[in-house]
Every structure is written in C-alpha cells, then in structure tokens.
Amino acid sequence: MNMLPKCRTKHAGYTLKKIMKDKNIAVEYLATRTGTKLMYIQQIIDGKKDISPDMAKRLQYSLGIDASYWINLQAIYDESLW
C-alpha cells in the first residue's frame, strides 16, 4: 500500500488563469481568439475540462506560448491523479 501523500499539482487551467491575469486577457477575448465558446474556456480555467492537443495549438496561436508547454502541463496534472 502506498502511504505517500498525493502530489498537489494544479490543473493546467490554473496556469492559464494566471497567464490571462498577467496579460490582462478576458475570457471572452480568449474564447474569440481560440474560436471556442466562452463556457469551454471557463471550464478549462475551473479545472473541469482538460487542455487537448488541439486546444494547446489554439492557445499557442492566441497567447504565443508553445503548444508543448500546455500539453506537458496537462500530462503532469493527469499523471498526478494516479
């Protein structure tokens, strides 16, 4: 039995929220730039939806942050759940 405490890795949406705040980007603006619905972006920020490879590419286009960064963040979070 594994008695180690679970890692407190945050969902990739947490990082997205911080970056949006730092760059003063509204959810509505990012939804428009990524070609997605506002609710979809909000669900990512809330940790209810994962960042897919497609969304990672959209974020790269919209924010200038490489898609691999988003994919890696999501993978690290997903791994921490096991």
Protein backbone atom coordinates (compact mmCIF):
# COMPACT_ATOMS: atom_id res chain seq x y z
CA MET A 1 0.00 0.00 0.00
CA ASN A 2 1.38 3.40 -1.00
CA MET A 3 1.43 5.71 2.01
CA LEU A 4 2.97 8.69 0.22
CA PRO A 5 0.77 11.80 0.08
CA LYS A 6 -0.64 12.70 -3.30
CA CYS A 7 1.09 15.49 -5.18
CA ARG A 8 -0.74 18.79 -5.12
CA THR A 9 -0.21 19.51 -8.81
CA LYS A 10 -2.60 22.12 -10.13
CA HIS A 11 -4.72 21.70 -13.24
CA ALA A 12 -3.36 23.37 -16.39
CA GLY A 13 -6.37 25.72 -16.24
CA TYR A 14 -4.89 27.29 -13.10
CA THR A 15 -1.81 28.30 -15.08
CA LEU A 16 -3.97 29.55 -17.94
CA LYS A 17 -5.89 31.73 -15.49
CA LYS A 18 -2.67 33.20 -14.07
CA ILE A 19 -1.29 33.95 -17.54
CA MET A 20 -4.56 35.57 -18.59
CA LYS A 21 -4.49 37.73 -15.47
CA ASP A 22 -0.84 38.71 -16.01
CA LYS A 23 -1.54 39.65 -19.64
CA ASN A 24 -4.88 41.28 -18.80
CA ILE A 25 -6.78 38.95 -21.15
CA ALA A 26 -10.50 38.46 -20.66
CA VAL A 27 -12.17 35.07 -21.03
CA GLU A 28 -14.34 36.49 -23.81
CA TYR A 29 -11.30 37.65 -25.76
CA LEU A 30 -9.54 34.29 -25.43
CA ALA A 31 -12.67 32.43 -26.50
CA THR A 32 -12.84 34.57 -29.62
CA ARG A 33 -9.11 34.18 -30.38
CA THR A 34 -9.25 30.41 -29.95
CA GLY A 35 -12.52 30.02 -31.84
CA THR A 36 -14.18 28.30 -28.89
CA LYS A 37 -17.13 29.07 -26.67
CA LEU A 38 -16.67 31.20 -23.59
CA MET A 39 -18.02 28.39 -21.42
CA TYR A 40 -15.36 26.00 -22.75
CA ILE A 41 -12.54 28.37 -21.73
CA GLN A 42 -14.18 28.89 -18.35
CA GLN A 43 -14.40 25.14 -17.80
CA ILE A 44 -10.68 24.79 -18.54
CA ILE A 45 -9.90 27.58 -16.08
CA ASP A 46 -12.12 25.89 -13.47
CA GLY A 47 -10.32 22.57 -13.99
CA LYS A 48 -13.43 20.87 -15.36
CA LYS A 49 -12.07 20.39 -18.89
CA ASP A 50 -8.60 19.29 -19.91
CA ILE A 51 -6.38 21.05 -22.43
CA SER A 52 -6.41 18.85 -25.52
CA PRO A 53 -3.63 18.91 -28.13
CA ASP A 54 -5.97 20.89 -30.40
CA MET A 55 -6.65 23.43 -27.66
CA ALA A 56 -2.94 23.62 -26.91
CA LYS A 57 -2.36 24.68 -30.54
CA ARG A 58 -5.12 27.27 -30.26
CA LEU A 59 -3.55 28.64 -27.07
CA GLN A 60 -0.18 28.78 -28.81
CA TYR A 61 -1.71 30.89 -31.58
CA SER A 62 -3.62 33.09 -29.14
CA LEU A 63 -1.07 33.55 -26.35
CA GLY A 64 2.26 32.86 -28.04
CA ILE A 65 3.08 30.05 -25.61
CA ASP A 66 4.21 26.84 -27.27
CA ALA A 67 1.63 24.06 -27.53
CA SER A 68 4.07 21.60 -25.96
CA TYR A 69 4.01 23.70 -22.76
CA TRP A 70 0.23 23.22 -22.43
CA ILE A 71 0.38 19.54 -23.36
CA ASN A 72 3.11 18.94 -20.77
CA LEU A 73 1.22 20.81 -18.05
CA GLN A 74 -1.86 18.72 -18.69
CA ALA A 75 0.17 15.50 -18.76
CA ILE A 76 1.85 16.32 -15.45
CA TYR A 77 -1.54 17.00 -13.87
CA ASP A 78 -3.04 13.83 -15.31
CA GLU A 79 -0.13 11.77 -14.01
CA SER A 80 -0.51 13.26 -10.54
CA LEU A 81 -4.03 11.83 -10.33
CA TRP A 82 -2.68 8.26 -10.37
